[in-house]
Amino acid sequence: MATERWKLSNTTVYNIGFHLIWCPKYRRNVLKNEIEERLKELLHEKAEEIGVTIEKMEVMPDQVHLFVKANPTMSPHWIVQQFKGYTSRILRQEYSELRTRIPTLWTRNYYCESVGHISEATIKEYIEEQKNK
């Protein structure tokens, strides 16, 4: 039953993905050049540490887009918190311009959307059909 689409734990078969977006404070264009590259390295490090898979990543000067896969016990809020806290601390230590230009690296806000292989309409239809079996 296990394919690349599904992951397995002792009691669960799952496929949970999140599209996450967040921005630097005041939407400043600070994620460029070596800061951008270092941010990508740090995000991959943290993802491996917490057991999240980064399927796709795009870093632009004023925002970060991630498509991540996680297990069912991880909330999107916790994942974003881990990424933002870890990267902010290290990047602000390593790059003084991130301490002088903005009071904190990241805004408190973020965007999250769950992403699945099956559409909402398909799930609703499947559940509706169950009572006819």
C-alpha atoms as a PDB file:
ATOM      1  CA  MET A   1       0.000   0.000   0.000  1.00  0.00           C
ATOM      2  CA  ALA A   2       2.899   2.389   0.634  1.00  0.00           C
ATOM      3  CA  THR A   3       3.973   4.423  -2.343  1.00  0.00           C
ATOM      4  CA  GLU A   4       5.763   7.752  -2.652  1.00  0.00           C
ATOM      5  CA  ARG A   5       2.392   9.442  -2.278  1.00  0.00           C
ATOM      6  CA  TRP A   6       1.763   7.985   1.192  1.00  0.00           C
ATOM      7  CA  LYS A   7       3.842   7.807   4.337  1.00  0.00           C
ATOM      8  CA  LEU A   8       3.360   5.249   7.074  1.00  0.00           C
ATOM      9  CA  SER A   9       3.633   5.291  10.837  1.00  0.00           C
ATOM     10  CA  ASN A  10       2.726   2.484  13.243  1.00  0.00           C
ATOM     11  CA  THR A  11      -0.951   3.403  13.173  1.00  0.00           C
ATOM     12  CA  THR A  12      -1.423   5.825  10.285  1.00  0.00           C
ATOM     13  CA  VAL A  13      -1.222   6.105   6.535  1.00  0.00           C
ATOM     14  CA  TYR A  14      -1.020   9.762   5.550  1.00  0.00           C
ATOM     15  CA  ASN A  15      -0.255  12.342   2.881  1.00  0.00           C
ATOM     16  CA  ILE A  16      -0.326  15.813   4.407  1.00  0.00           C
ATOM     17  CA  GLY A  17       1.085  18.822   2.610  1.00  0.00           C
ATOM     18  CA  PHE A  18       1.082  22.527   3.416  1.00  0.00           C
ATOM     19  CA  HIS A  19       1.820  25.581   1.299  1.00  0.00           C
ATOM     20  CA  LEU A  20       3.435  28.076   3.677  1.00  0.00           C
ATOM     21  CA  ILE A  21       4.289  31.712   2.978  1.00  0.00           C
ATOM     22  CA  TRP A  22       5.824  34.347   5.229  1.00  0.00           C
ATOM     23  CA  CYS A  23       7.593  37.681   4.825  1.00  0.00           C
ATOM     24  CA  PRO A  24      10.327  39.723   6.474  1.00  0.00           C
ATOM     25  CA  LYS A  25       9.205  42.498   8.801  1.00  0.00           C
ATOM     26  CA  TYR A  26       7.855  45.497   6.855  1.00  0.00           C
ATOM     27  CA  ARG A  27       8.157  43.351   3.714  1.00  0.00           C
ATOM     28  CA  ARG A  28      11.766  44.516   3.360  1.00  0.00           C
ATOM     29  CA  ASN A  29      13.774  43.157   0.425  1.00  0.00           C
ATOM     30  CA  VAL A  30      16.484  41.541   2.556  1.00  0.00           C
ATOM     31  CA  LEU A  31      16.402  37.921   1.323  1.00  0.00           C
ATOM     32  CA  LYS A  32      18.982  38.335  -1.444  1.00  0.00           C
ATOM     33  CA  ASN A  33      22.372  36.949  -2.452  1.00  0.00           C
ATOM     34  CA  GLU A  34      24.209  35.165   0.374  1.00  0.00           C
ATOM     35  CA  ILE A  35      21.337  35.719   2.839  1.00  0.00           C
ATOM     36  CA  GLU A  36      18.990  33.908   0.460  1.00  0.00           C
ATOM     37  CA  GLU A  37      21.398  30.994   0.065  1.00  0.00           C
ATOM     38  CA  ARG A  38      22.038  30.753   3.804  1.00  0.00           C
ATOM     39  CA  LEU A  39      18.282  30.860   4.497  1.00  0.00           C
ATOM     40  CA  LYS A  40      17.736  27.908   2.150  1.00  0.00           C
ATOM     41  CA  GLU A  41      20.476  25.921   3.907  1.00  0.00           C
ATOM     42  CA  LEU A  42      18.977  26.683   7.329  1.00  0.00           C
ATOM     43  CA  LEU A  43      15.453  25.729   6.238  1.00  0.00           C
ATOM     44  CA  HIS A  44      16.707  22.365   4.948  1.00  0.00           C
ATOM     45  CA  GLU A  45      18.649  21.799   8.199  1.00  0.00           C
ATOM     46  CA  LYS A  46      15.613  22.546  10.353  1.00  0.00           C
ATOM     47  CA  ALA A  47      13.298  20.463   8.163  1.00  0.00           C
ATOM     48  CA  GLU A  48      15.565  17.451   8.567  1.00  0.00           C
ATOM     49  CA  GLU A  49      15.815  18.029  12.316  1.00  0.00           C
ATOM     50  CA  ILE A  50      12.050  18.154  12.868  1.00  0.00           C
ATOM     51  CA  GLY A  51      11.134  15.476  10.306  1.00  0.00           C
ATOM     52  CA  VAL A  52       9.470  17.645   7.677  1.00  0.00           C
ATOM     53  CA  THR A  53      10.097  17.215   3.945  1.00  0.00           C
ATOM     54  CA  ILE A  54      10.486  20.344   1.838  1.00  0.00           C
ATOM     55  CA  GLU A  55       9.011  19.403  -1.525  1.00  0.00           C
ATOM     56  CA  LYS A  56       9.504  22.832  -3.102  1.00  0.00           C
ATOM     57  CA  MET A  57      11.040  26.097  -1.939  1.00  0.00           C
ATOM     58  CA  GLU A  58      11.219  29.562  -3.449  1.00  0.00           C
ATOM     59  CA  VAL A  59      12.855  32.481  -1.685  1.00  0.00           C
ATOM     60  CA  MET A  60      12.225  35.938  -3.091  1.00  0.00           C
ATOM     61  CA  PRO A  61      13.664  39.172  -1.678  1.00  0.00           C
ATOM     62  CA  ASP A  62      10.509  39.866   0.327  1.00  0.00           C
ATOM     63  CA  GLN A  63       8.891  36.456   0.934  1.00  0.00           C
ATOM     64  CA  VAL A  64       9.411  32.731   1.422  1.00  0.00           C
ATOM     65  CA  HIS A  65       7.243  30.044  -0.206  1.00  0.00           C
ATOM     66  CA  LEU A  66       7.463  26.434   0.967  1.00  0.00           C
ATOM     67  CA  PHE A  67       5.537  23.316   0.061  1.00  0.00           C
ATOM     68  CA  VAL A  68       6.162  20.880   2.887  1.00  0.00           C
ATOM     69  CA  LYS A  69       4.990  17.388   3.792  1.00  0.00           C
ATOM     70  CA  ALA A  70       4.585  16.566   7.462  1.00  0.00           C
ATOM     71  CA  ASN A  71       3.166  13.873   9.696  1.00  0.00           C
ATOM     72  CA  PRO A  72      -0.307  14.209  11.243  1.00  0.00           C
ATOM     73  CA  THR A  73       0.988  15.168  14.694  1.00  0.00           C
ATOM     74  CA  MET A  74       2.612  18.386  13.420  1.00  0.00           C
ATOM     75  CA  SER A  75       0.495  21.503  13.189  1.00  0.00           C
ATOM     76  CA  PRO A  76       1.266  24.022  10.466  1.00  0.00           C
ATOM     77  CA  HIS A  77       1.647  26.687  13.157  1.00  0.00           C
ATOM     78  CA  TRP A  78       4.335  24.660  14.929  1.00  0.00           C
ATOM     79  CA  ILE A  79       6.195  24.032  11.645  1.00  0.00           C
ATOM     80  CA  VAL A  80       6.234  27.741  10.740  1.00  0.00           C
ATOM     81  CA  GLN A  81       7.277  28.622  14.299  1.00  0.00           C
ATOM     82  CA  GLN A  82      10.221  26.210  14.075  1.00  0.00           C
ATOM     83  CA  PHE A  83      11.370  27.541  10.695  1.00  0.00           C
ATOM     84  CA  LYS A  84      10.982  31.220  11.545  1.00  0.00           C
ATOM     85  CA  GLY A  85      12.532  31.021  15.005  1.00  0.00           C
ATOM     86  CA  TYR A  86      15.557  29.009  13.908  1.00  0.00           C
ATOM     87  CA  THR A  87      16.317  31.040  10.786  1.00  0.00           C
ATOM     88  CA  SER A  88      15.779  34.403  12.470  1.00  0.00           C
ATOM     89  CA  ARG A  89      18.156  33.647  15.311  1.00  0.00           C
ATOM     90  CA  ILE A  90      20.982  32.409  13.107  1.00  0.00           C
ATOM     91  CA  LEU A  91      20.619  34.898  10.239  1.00  0.00           C
ATOM     92  CA  ARG A  92      20.507  37.864  12.633  1.00  0.00           C
ATOM     93  CA  GLN A  93      23.672  36.572  14.335  1.00  0.00           C
ATOM     94  CA  GLU A  94      25.496  36.128  11.030  1.00  0.00           C
ATOM     95  CA  TYR A  95      24.330  39.246   9.139  1.00  0.00           C
ATOM     96  CA  SER A  96      24.435  42.529  11.048  1.00  0.00           C
ATOM     97  CA  GLU A  97      22.307  44.322   8.417  1.00  0.00           C
ATOM     98  CA  LEU A  98      19.370  42.163   9.546  1.00  0.00           C
ATOM     99  CA  ARG A  99      19.728  43.577  13.062  1.00  0.00           C
ATOM    100  CA  THR A 100      20.064  47.220  12.042  1.00  0.00           C
ATOM    101  CA  ARG A 101      17.451  47.508   9.261  1.00  0.00           C
ATOM    102  CA  ILE A 102      14.524  45.766  10.968  1.00  0.00           C
ATOM    103  CA  PRO A 103      13.608  45.071  14.630  1.00  0.00           C
ATOM    104  CA  THR A 104      12.845  41.381  13.966  1.00  0.00           C
ATOM    105  CA  LEU A 105      13.485  39.342  10.855  1.00  0.00           C
ATOM    106  CA  TRP A 106       9.988  37.946  10.288  1.00  0.00           C
ATOM    107  CA  THR A 107       6.478  39.317  10.601  1.00  0.00           C
ATOM    108  CA  ARG A 108       4.221  37.479  13.035  1.00  0.00           C
ATOM    109  CA  ASN A 109       1.893  36.594  10.151  1.00  0.00           C
ATOM    110  CA  TYR A 110       2.025  33.698   7.727  1.00  0.00           C
ATOM    111  CA  TYR A 111      -0.168  32.038   5.134  1.00  0.00           C
ATOM    112  CA  CYS A 112      -1.011  28.353   5.226  1.00  0.00           C
ATOM    113  CA  GLU A 113      -3.086  26.206   2.920  1.00  0.00           C
ATOM    114  CA  SER A 114      -3.448  22.459   3.122  1.00  0.00           C
ATOM    115  CA  VAL A 115      -2.627  20.701  -0.111  1.00  0.00           C
ATOM    116  CA  GLY A 116      -3.873  17.256  -1.001  1.00  0.00           C
ATOM    117  CA  HIS A 117      -3.887  14.850  -3.872  1.00  0.00           C
ATOM    118  CA  ILE A 118      -7.685  14.559  -3.763  1.00  0.00           C
ATOM    119  CA  SER A 119      -9.964  17.564  -4.186  1.00  0.00           C
ATOM    120  CA  GLU A 120     -12.527  18.739  -1.643  1.00  0.00           C
ATOM    121  CA  ALA A 121     -15.333  17.887  -4.069  1.00  0.00           C
ATOM    122  CA  THR A 122     -14.056  14.310  -4.466  1.00  0.00           C
ATOM    123  CA  ILE A 123     -13.955  13.795  -0.695  1.00  0.00           C
ATOM    124  CA  LYS A 124     -17.483  15.146  -0.250  1.00  0.00           C
ATOM    125  CA  GLU A 125     -18.741  12.874  -3.025  1.00  0.00           C
ATOM    126  CA  TYR A 126     -16.956   9.836  -1.532  1.00  0.00           C
ATOM    127  CA  ILE A 127     -18.482  10.470   1.923  1.00  0.00           C
ATOM    128  CA  GLU A 128     -21.945  10.953   0.433  1.00  0.00           C
ATOM    129  CA  GLU A 129     -21.669   7.643  -1.452  1.00  0.00           C
ATOM    130  CA  GLN A 130     -20.773   5.706   1.706  1.00  0.00           C
ATOM    131  CA  LYS A 131     -24.340   5.591   2.977  1.00  0.00           C
ATOM    132  CA  ASN A 132     -25.462   3.941  -0.284  1.00  0.00           C
ATOM    133  CA  LYS A 133     -23.134   0.952   0.177  1.00  0.00           C
END
